[in-house]
PDB file of N, CA and C in Angstrom:
ATOM      1  N   MET A   1      19.907 -83.016 177.645  1.00  0.00           N
ATOM      2  CA  MET A   1      19.193 -81.938 178.326  1.00  0.00           C
ATOM      3  C   MET A   1      20.163 -80.828 178.679  1.00  0.00           C
ATOM      4  N   ALA A   2      19.630 -79.657 178.842  1.00  0.00           N
ATOM      5  CA  ALA A   2      20.421 -78.501 179.251  1.00  0.00           C
ATOM      6  C   ALA A   2      19.962 -78.076 180.634  1.00  0.00           C
ATOM      7  N   TYR A   3      20.892 -77.647 181.445  1.00  0.00           N
ATOM      8  CA  TYR A   3      20.588 -77.215 182.811  1.00  0.00           C
ATOM      9  C   TYR A   3      21.155 -75.829 183.042  1.00  0.00           C
ATOM     10  N   LEU A   4      20.388 -75.019 183.761  1.00  0.00           N
ATOM     11  CA  LEU A   4      20.833 -73.684 184.139  1.00  0.00           C
ATOM     12  C   LEU A   4      21.940 -73.805 185.174  1.00  0.00           C
ATOM     13  N   VAL A   5      23.022 -73.087 184.963  1.00  0.00           N
ATOM     14  CA  VAL A   5      24.142 -73.072 185.907  1.00  0.00           C
ATOM     15  C   VAL A   5      24.429 -71.623 186.282  1.00  0.00           C
ATOM     16  N   ILE A   6      24.567 -71.377 187.565  1.00  0.00           N
ATOM     17  CA  ILE A   6      24.933 -70.059 188.072  1.00  0.00           C
ATOM     18  C   ILE A   6      26.407 -70.122 188.471  1.00  0.00           C
ATOM     19  N   VAL A   7      27.190 -69.151 188.003  1.00  0.00           N
ATOM     20  CA  VAL A   7      28.613 -69.096 188.337  1.00  0.00           C
ATOM     21  C   VAL A   7      28.881 -67.776 189.038  1.00  0.00           C
ATOM     22  N   GLU A   8      29.522 -67.863 190.193  1.00  0.00           N
ATOM     23  CA  GLU A   8      29.897 -66.676 190.956  1.00  0.00           C
ATOM     24  C   GLU A   8      31.419 -66.640 191.071  1.00  0.00           C
ATOM     25  N   ARG A   9      31.966 -65.445 191.028  1.00  0.00           N
ATOM     26  CA  ARG A   9      33.412 -65.275 191.160  1.00  0.00           C
ATOM     27  C   ARG A   9      33.705 -64.506 192.437  1.00  0.00           C
ATOM     28  N   ASP A  10      34.706 -64.961 193.175  1.00  0.00           N
ATOM     29  CA  ASP A  10      35.158 -64.228 194.355  1.00  0.00           C
ATOM     30  C   ASP A  10      36.673 -64.292 194.428  1.00  0.00           C
ATOM     31  N   GLN A  11      37.243 -63.892 195.540  1.00  0.00           N
ATOM     32  CA  GLN A  11      38.697 -63.830 195.674  1.00  0.00           C
ATOM     33  C   GLN A  11      39.363 -65.204 195.650  1.00  0.00           C
ATOM     34  N   HIS A  12      38.588 -66.281 195.789  1.00  0.00           N
ATOM     35  CA  HIS A  12      39.131 -67.633 195.818  1.00  0.00           C
ATOM     36  C   HIS A  12      39.004 -68.360 194.479  1.00  0.00           C
ATOM     37  N   GLY A  13      38.319 -67.759 193.520  1.00  0.00           N
ATOM     38  CA  GLY A  13      38.104 -68.399 192.227  1.00  0.00           C
ATOM     39  C   GLY A  13      36.647 -68.360 191.834  1.00  0.00           C
ATOM     40  N   PHE A  14      36.141 -69.479 191.351  1.00  0.00           N
ATOM     41  CA  PHE A  14      34.781 -69.547 190.837  1.00  0.00           C
ATOM     42  C   PHE A  14      33.990 -70.628 191.569  1.00  0.00           C
ATOM     43  N   TYR A  15      32.710 -70.351 191.774  1.00  0.00           N
ATOM     44  CA  TYR A  15      31.775 -71.270 192.420  1.00  0.00           C
ATOM     45  C   TYR A  15      30.593 -71.431 191.475  1.00  0.00           C
ATOM     46  N   ALA A  16      30.186 -72.657 191.205  1.00  0.00           N
ATOM     47  CA  ALA A  16      29.057 -72.898 190.308  1.00  0.00           C
ATOM     48  C   ALA A  16      28.067 -73.843 190.956  1.00  0.00           C
ATOM     49  N   TYR A  17      26.781 -73.610 190.666  1.00  0.00           N
ATOM     50  CA  TYR A  17      25.747 -74.516 191.144  1.00  0.00           C
ATOM     51  C   TYR A  17      24.606 -74.567 190.136  1.00  0.00           C
ATOM     52  N   CYS A  18      23.830 -75.628 190.244  1.00  0.00           N
ATOM     53  CA  CYS A  18      22.697 -75.844 189.353  1.00  0.00           C
ATOM     54  C   CYS A  18      21.416 -75.778 190.191  1.00  0.00           C
ATOM     55  N   PRO A  19      20.634 -74.707 190.078  1.00  0.00           N
ATOM     56  CA  PRO A  19      19.430 -74.555 190.898  1.00  0.00           C
ATOM     57  C   PRO A  19      18.411 -75.682 190.711  1.00  0.00           C
ATOM     58  N   GLU A  20      18.411 -76.314 189.556  1.00  0.00           N
ATOM     59  CA  GLU A  20      17.462 -77.389 189.283  1.00  0.00           C
ATOM     60  C   GLU A  20      17.817 -78.680 190.015  1.00  0.00           C
ATOM     61  N   LEU A  21      19.070 -78.782 190.453  1.00  0.00           N
ATOM     62  CA  LEU A  21      19.560 -79.992 191.106  1.00  0.00           C
ATOM     63  C   LEU A  21      20.095 -79.622 192.491  1.00  0.00           C
ATOM     64  N   PRO A  22      19.250 -79.627 193.497  1.00  0.00           N
ATOM     65  CA  PRO A  22      19.658 -79.200 194.844  1.00  0.00           C
ATOM     66  C   PRO A  22      20.915 -79.936 195.329  1.00  0.00           C
ATOM     67  N   GLY A  23      21.893 -79.150 195.757  1.00  0.00           N
ATOM     68  CA  GLY A  23      23.135 -79.719 196.269  1.00  0.00           C
ATOM     69  C   GLY A  23      24.182 -79.953 195.204  1.00  0.00           C
ATOM     70  N   CYS A  24      23.849 -79.733 193.941  1.00  0.00           N
ATOM     71  CA  CYS A  24      24.802 -79.934 192.851  1.00  0.00           C
ATOM     72  C   CYS A  24      25.610 -78.654 192.680  1.00  0.00           C
ATOM     73  N   GLN A  25      26.835 -78.699 193.183  1.00  0.00           N
ATOM     74  CA  GLN A  25      27.686 -77.506 193.188  1.00  0.00           C
ATOM     75  C   GLN A  25      29.148 -77.901 193.112  1.00  0.00           C
ATOM     76  N   THR A  26      29.991 -76.950 192.733  1.00  0.00           N
ATOM     77  CA  THR A  26      31.418 -77.204 192.642  1.00  0.00           C
ATOM     78  C   THR A  26      32.165 -75.876 192.622  1.00  0.00           C
ATOM     79  N   GLN A  27      33.470 -75.973 192.543  1.00  0.00           N
ATOM     80  CA  GLN A  27      34.295 -74.770 192.461  1.00  0.00           C
ATOM     81  C   GLN A  27      35.479 -75.028 191.555  1.00  0.00           C
ATOM     82  N   GLY A  28      36.178 -73.962 191.199  1.00  0.00           N
ATOM     83  CA  GLY A  28      37.370 -74.086 190.365  1.00  0.00           C
ATOM     84  C   GLY A  28      38.164 -72.801 190.417  1.00  0.00           C
ATOM     85  N   GLU A  29      39.428 -72.889 190.065  1.00  0.00           N
ATOM     86  CA  GLU A  29      40.287 -71.703 190.086  1.00  0.00           C
ATOM     87  C   GLU A  29      40.036 -70.806 188.880  1.00  0.00           C
ATOM     88  N   THR A  30      39.617 -71.391 187.745  1.00  0.00           N
ATOM     89  CA  THR A  30      39.329 -70.622 186.535  1.00  0.00           C
ATOM     90  C   THR A  30      37.895 -70.894 186.089  1.00  0.00           C
ATOM     91  N   PHE A  31      37.393 -70.042 185.199  1.00  0.00           N
ATOM     92  CA  PHE A  31      36.051 -70.249 184.658  1.00  0.00           C
ATOM     93  C   PHE A  31      35.967 -71.575 183.907  1.00  0.00           C
ATOM     94  N   GLU A  32      36.986 -71.857 183.108  1.00  0.00           N
ATOM     95  CA  GLU A  32      37.021 -73.109 182.347  1.00  0.00           C
ATOM     96  C   GLU A  32      36.990 -74.314 183.278  1.00  0.00           C
ATOM     97  N   GLU A  33      37.746 -74.244 184.363  1.00  0.00           N
ATOM     98  CA  GLU A  33      37.790 -75.355 185.310  1.00  0.00           C
ATOM     99  C   GLU A  33      36.443 -75.552 186.004  1.00  0.00           C
ATOM    100  N   VAL A  34      35.820 -74.467 186.426  1.00  0.00           N
ATOM    101  CA  VAL A  34      34.540 -74.603 187.121  1.00  0.00           C
ATOM    102  C   VAL A  34      33.458 -75.118 186.176  1.00  0.00           C
ATOM    103  N   MET A  35      33.514 -74.746 184.907  1.00  0.00           N
ATOM    104  CA  MET A  35      32.530 -75.251 183.950  1.00  0.00           C
ATOM    105  C   MET A  35      32.742 -76.742 183.702  1.00  0.00           C
ATOM    106  N   LYS A  36      33.979 -77.178 183.612  1.00  0.00           N
ATOM    107  CA  LYS A  36      34.279 -78.601 183.465  1.00  0.00           C
ATOM    108  C   LYS A  36      33.787 -79.360 184.697  1.00  0.00           C
ATOM    109  N   ASN A  37      34.046 -78.789 185.878  1.00  0.00           N
ATOM    110  CA  ASN A  37      33.644 -79.437 187.133  1.00  0.00           C
ATOM    111  C   ASN A  37      32.128 -79.516 187.290  1.00  0.00           C
ATOM    112  N   ILE A  38      31.404 -78.458 186.895  1.00  0.00           N
ATOM    113  CA  ILE A  38      29.952 -78.485 187.068  1.00  0.00           C
ATOM    114  C   ILE A  38      29.319 -79.458 186.074  1.00  0.00           C
ATOM    115  N   ARG A  39      29.881 -79.581 184.889  1.00  0.00           N
ATOM    116  CA  ARG A  39      29.374 -80.564 183.928  1.00  0.00           C
ATOM    117  C   ARG A  39      29.511 -81.971 184.511  1.00  0.00           C
ATOM    118  N   GLU A  40      30.671 -82.252 185.102  1.00  0.00           N
ATOM    119  CA  GLU A  40      30.899 -83.559 185.728  1.00  0.00           C
ATOM    120  C   GLU A  40      29.969 -83.762 186.923  1.00  0.00           C
ATOM    121  N   ALA A  41      29.781 -82.712 187.728  1.00  0.00           N
ATOM    122  CA  ALA A  41      28.902 -82.805 188.896  1.00  0.00           C
ATOM    123  C   ALA A  41      27.463 -83.098 188.466  1.00  0.00           C
ATOM    124  N   ILE A  42      27.000 -82.457 187.403  1.00  0.00           N
ATOM    125  CA  ILE A  42      25.641 -82.689 186.899  1.00  0.00           C
ATOM    126  C   ILE A  42      25.505 -84.123 186.402  1.00  0.00           C
ATOM    127  N   GLU A  43      26.481 -84.592 185.635  1.00  0.00           N
ATOM    128  CA  GLU A  43      26.439 -85.966 185.130  1.00  0.00           C
ATOM    129  C   GLU A  43      26.360 -86.973 186.281  1.00  0.00           C
ATOM    130  N   LEU A  44      27.189 -86.780 187.301  1.00  0.00           N
ATOM    131  CA  LEU A  44      27.189 -87.685 188.447  1.00  0.00           C
ATOM    132  C   LEU A  44      25.876 -87.607 189.217  1.00  0.00           C
ATOM    133  N   TYR A  45      25.347 -86.399 189.382  1.00  0.00           N
ATOM    134  CA  TYR A  45      24.073 -86.197 190.073  1.00  0.00           C
ATOM    135  C   TYR A  45      22.958 -86.957 189.363  1.00  0.00           C
ATOM    136  N   LEU A  46      22.895 -86.812 188.038  1.00  0.00           N
ATOM    137  CA  LEU A  46      21.840 -87.453 187.260  1.00  0.00           C
ATOM    138  C   LEU A  46      21.922 -88.971 187.343  1.00  0.00           C
ATOM    139  N   GLU A  47      23.121 -89.505 187.450  1.00  0.00           N
ATOM    140  CA  GLU A  47      23.294 -90.956 187.565  1.00  0.00           C
ATOM    141  C   GLU A  47      22.661 -91.510 188.837  1.00  0.00           C
ATOM    142  N   THR A  48      22.496 -90.674 189.858  1.00  0.00           N
ATOM    143  CA  THR A  48      21.951 -91.146 191.133  1.00  0.00           C
ATOM    144  C   THR A  48      20.423 -91.133 191.169  1.00  0.00           C
ATOM    145  N   LEU A  49      19.794 -90.521 190.166  1.00  0.00           N
ATOM    146  CA  LEU A  49      18.342 -90.369 190.172  1.00  0.00           C
ATOM    147  C   LEU A  49      17.634 -91.595 189.608  1.00  0.00           C
ATOM    148  N   THR A  50      16.456 -91.849 190.142  1.00  0.00           N
ATOM    149  CA  THR A  50      15.599 -92.912 189.606  1.00  0.00           C
ATOM    150  C   THR A  50      14.874 -92.371 188.374  1.00  0.00           C
ATOM    151  N   GLU A  51      14.234 -93.258 187.619  1.00  0.00           N
ATOM    152  CA  GLU A  51      13.457 -92.838 186.452  1.00  0.00           C
ATOM    153  C   GLU A  51      12.349 -91.858 186.848  1.00  0.00           C
ATOM    154  N   GLU A  52      11.713 -92.131 187.987  1.00  0.00           N
ATOM    155  CA  GLU A  52      10.645 -91.247 188.469  1.00  0.00           C
ATOM    156  C   GLU A  52      11.201 -89.852 188.780  1.00  0.00           C
ATOM    157  N   GLU A  53      12.334 -89.800 189.443  1.00  0.00           N
ATOM    158  CA  GLU A  53      12.952 -88.507 189.765  1.00  0.00           C
ATOM    159  C   GLU A  53      13.362 -87.758 188.499  1.00  0.00           C
ATOM    160  N   LEU A  54      13.858 -88.473 187.505  1.00  0.00           N
ATOM    161  CA  LEU A  54      14.222 -87.844 186.234  1.00  0.00           C
ATOM    162  C   LEU A  54      12.997 -87.259 185.542  1.00  0.00           C
ATOM    163  N   THR A  55      11.893 -87.972 185.599  1.00  0.00           N
ATOM    164  CA  THR A  55      10.646 -87.490 185.000  1.00  0.00           C
ATOM    165  C   THR A  55      10.174 -86.225 185.701  1.00  0.00           C
ATOM    166  N   GLU A  56      10.208 -86.214 187.032  1.00  0.00           N
ATOM    167  CA  GLU A  56       9.819 -85.027 187.800  1.00  0.00           C
ATOM    168  C   GLU A  56      10.724 -83.854 187.477  1.00  0.00           C
ATOM    169  N   LEU A  57      12.008 -84.130 187.323  1.00  0.00           N
ATOM    170  CA  LEU A  57      12.985 -83.093 187.029  1.00  0.00           C
ATOM    171  C   LEU A  57      12.703 -82.445 185.676  1.00  0.00           C
ATOM    172  N   LYS A  58      12.321 -83.234 184.693  1.00  0.00           N
ATOM    173  CA  LYS A  58      12.028 -82.712 183.361  1.00  0.00           C
ATOM    174  C   LYS A  58      10.798 -81.806 183.367  1.00  0.00           C
ATOM    175  N   ALA A  59       9.908 -81.994 184.332  1.00  0.00           N
ATOM    176  CA  ALA A  59       8.692 -81.199 184.418  1.00  0.00           C
ATOM    177  C   ALA A  59       8.921 -79.871 185.148  1.00  0.00           C
ATOM    178  N   LYS A  60      10.065 -79.737 185.807  1.00  0.00           N
ATOM    179  CA  LYS A  60      10.357 -78.536 186.586  1.00  0.00           C
ATOM    180  C   LYS A  60      10.769 -77.397 185.671  1.00  0.00           C
ATOM    181  N   GLU A  61      10.292 -76.194 185.988  1.00  0.00           N
ATOM    182  CA  GLU A  61      10.617 -75.027 185.180  1.00  0.00           C
ATOM    183  C   GLU A  61      11.205 -73.945 186.088  1.00  0.00           C
ATOM    184  N   ILE A  62      12.336 -73.401 185.674  1.00  0.00           N
ATOM    185  CA  ILE A  62      12.953 -72.285 186.396  1.00  0.00           C
ATOM    186  C   ILE A  62      12.983 -71.098 185.444  1.00  0.00           C
ATOM    187  N   ILE A  63      12.517 -69.983 185.934  1.00  0.00           N
ATOM    188  CA  ILE A  63      12.483 -68.767 185.134  1.00  0.00           C
ATOM    189  C   ILE A  63      13.468 -67.772 185.737  1.00  0.00           C
ATOM    190  N   THR A  64      14.307 -67.212 184.903  1.00  0.00           N
ATOM    191  CA  THR A  64      15.243 -66.206 185.383  1.00  0.00           C
ATOM    192  C   THR A  64      14.841 -64.849 184.800  1.00  0.00           C
ATOM    193  N   ALA A  65      15.119 -63.814 185.566  1.00  0.00           N
ATOM    194  CA  ALA A  65      14.794 -62.452 185.119  1.00  0.00           C
ATOM    195  C   ALA A  65      15.805 -61.486 185.722  1.00  0.00           C
ATOM    196  N   LEU A  66      16.032 -60.422 185.019  1.00  0.00           N
ATOM    197  CA  LEU A  66      16.911 -59.368 185.494  1.00  0.00           C
ATOM    198  C   LEU A  66      16.047 -58.255 186.084  1.00  0.00           C
ATOM    199  N   VAL A  67      16.353 -57.855 187.297  1.00  0.00           N
ATOM    200  CA  VAL A  67      15.601 -56.804 187.980  1.00  0.00           C
ATOM    201  C   VAL A  67      16.506 -55.586 188.102  1.00  0.00           C
ATOM    202  N   GLU A  68      16.081 -54.497 187.534  1.00  0.00           N
ATOM    203  CA  GLU A  68      16.850 -53.264 187.602  1.00  0.00           C
ATOM    204  C   GLU A  68      16.369 -52.446 188.798  1.00  0.00           C
ATOM    205  N   VAL A  69      17.311 -51.981 189.598  1.00  0.00           N
ATOM    206  CA  VAL A  69      16.956 -51.221 190.792  1.00  0.00           C
ATOM    207  C   VAL A  69      17.601 -49.851 190.744  1.00  0.00           C
TER     208      VAL A  69
END
């Protein structure tokens, strides 16, 4: 499965989270590091879910859009 990941950059490095998985977040000093960390965080998160929770998760839909102001 593929999961949407949001990555933000600030003066401390990179912060990533997965909106589909509440609480699944991580950080890293580089983009490569934060992507490696979020992949691991997602894998660990999914391991904690029951079959029922996994089924509910697959039914969830997140839509992203760009809003110009």
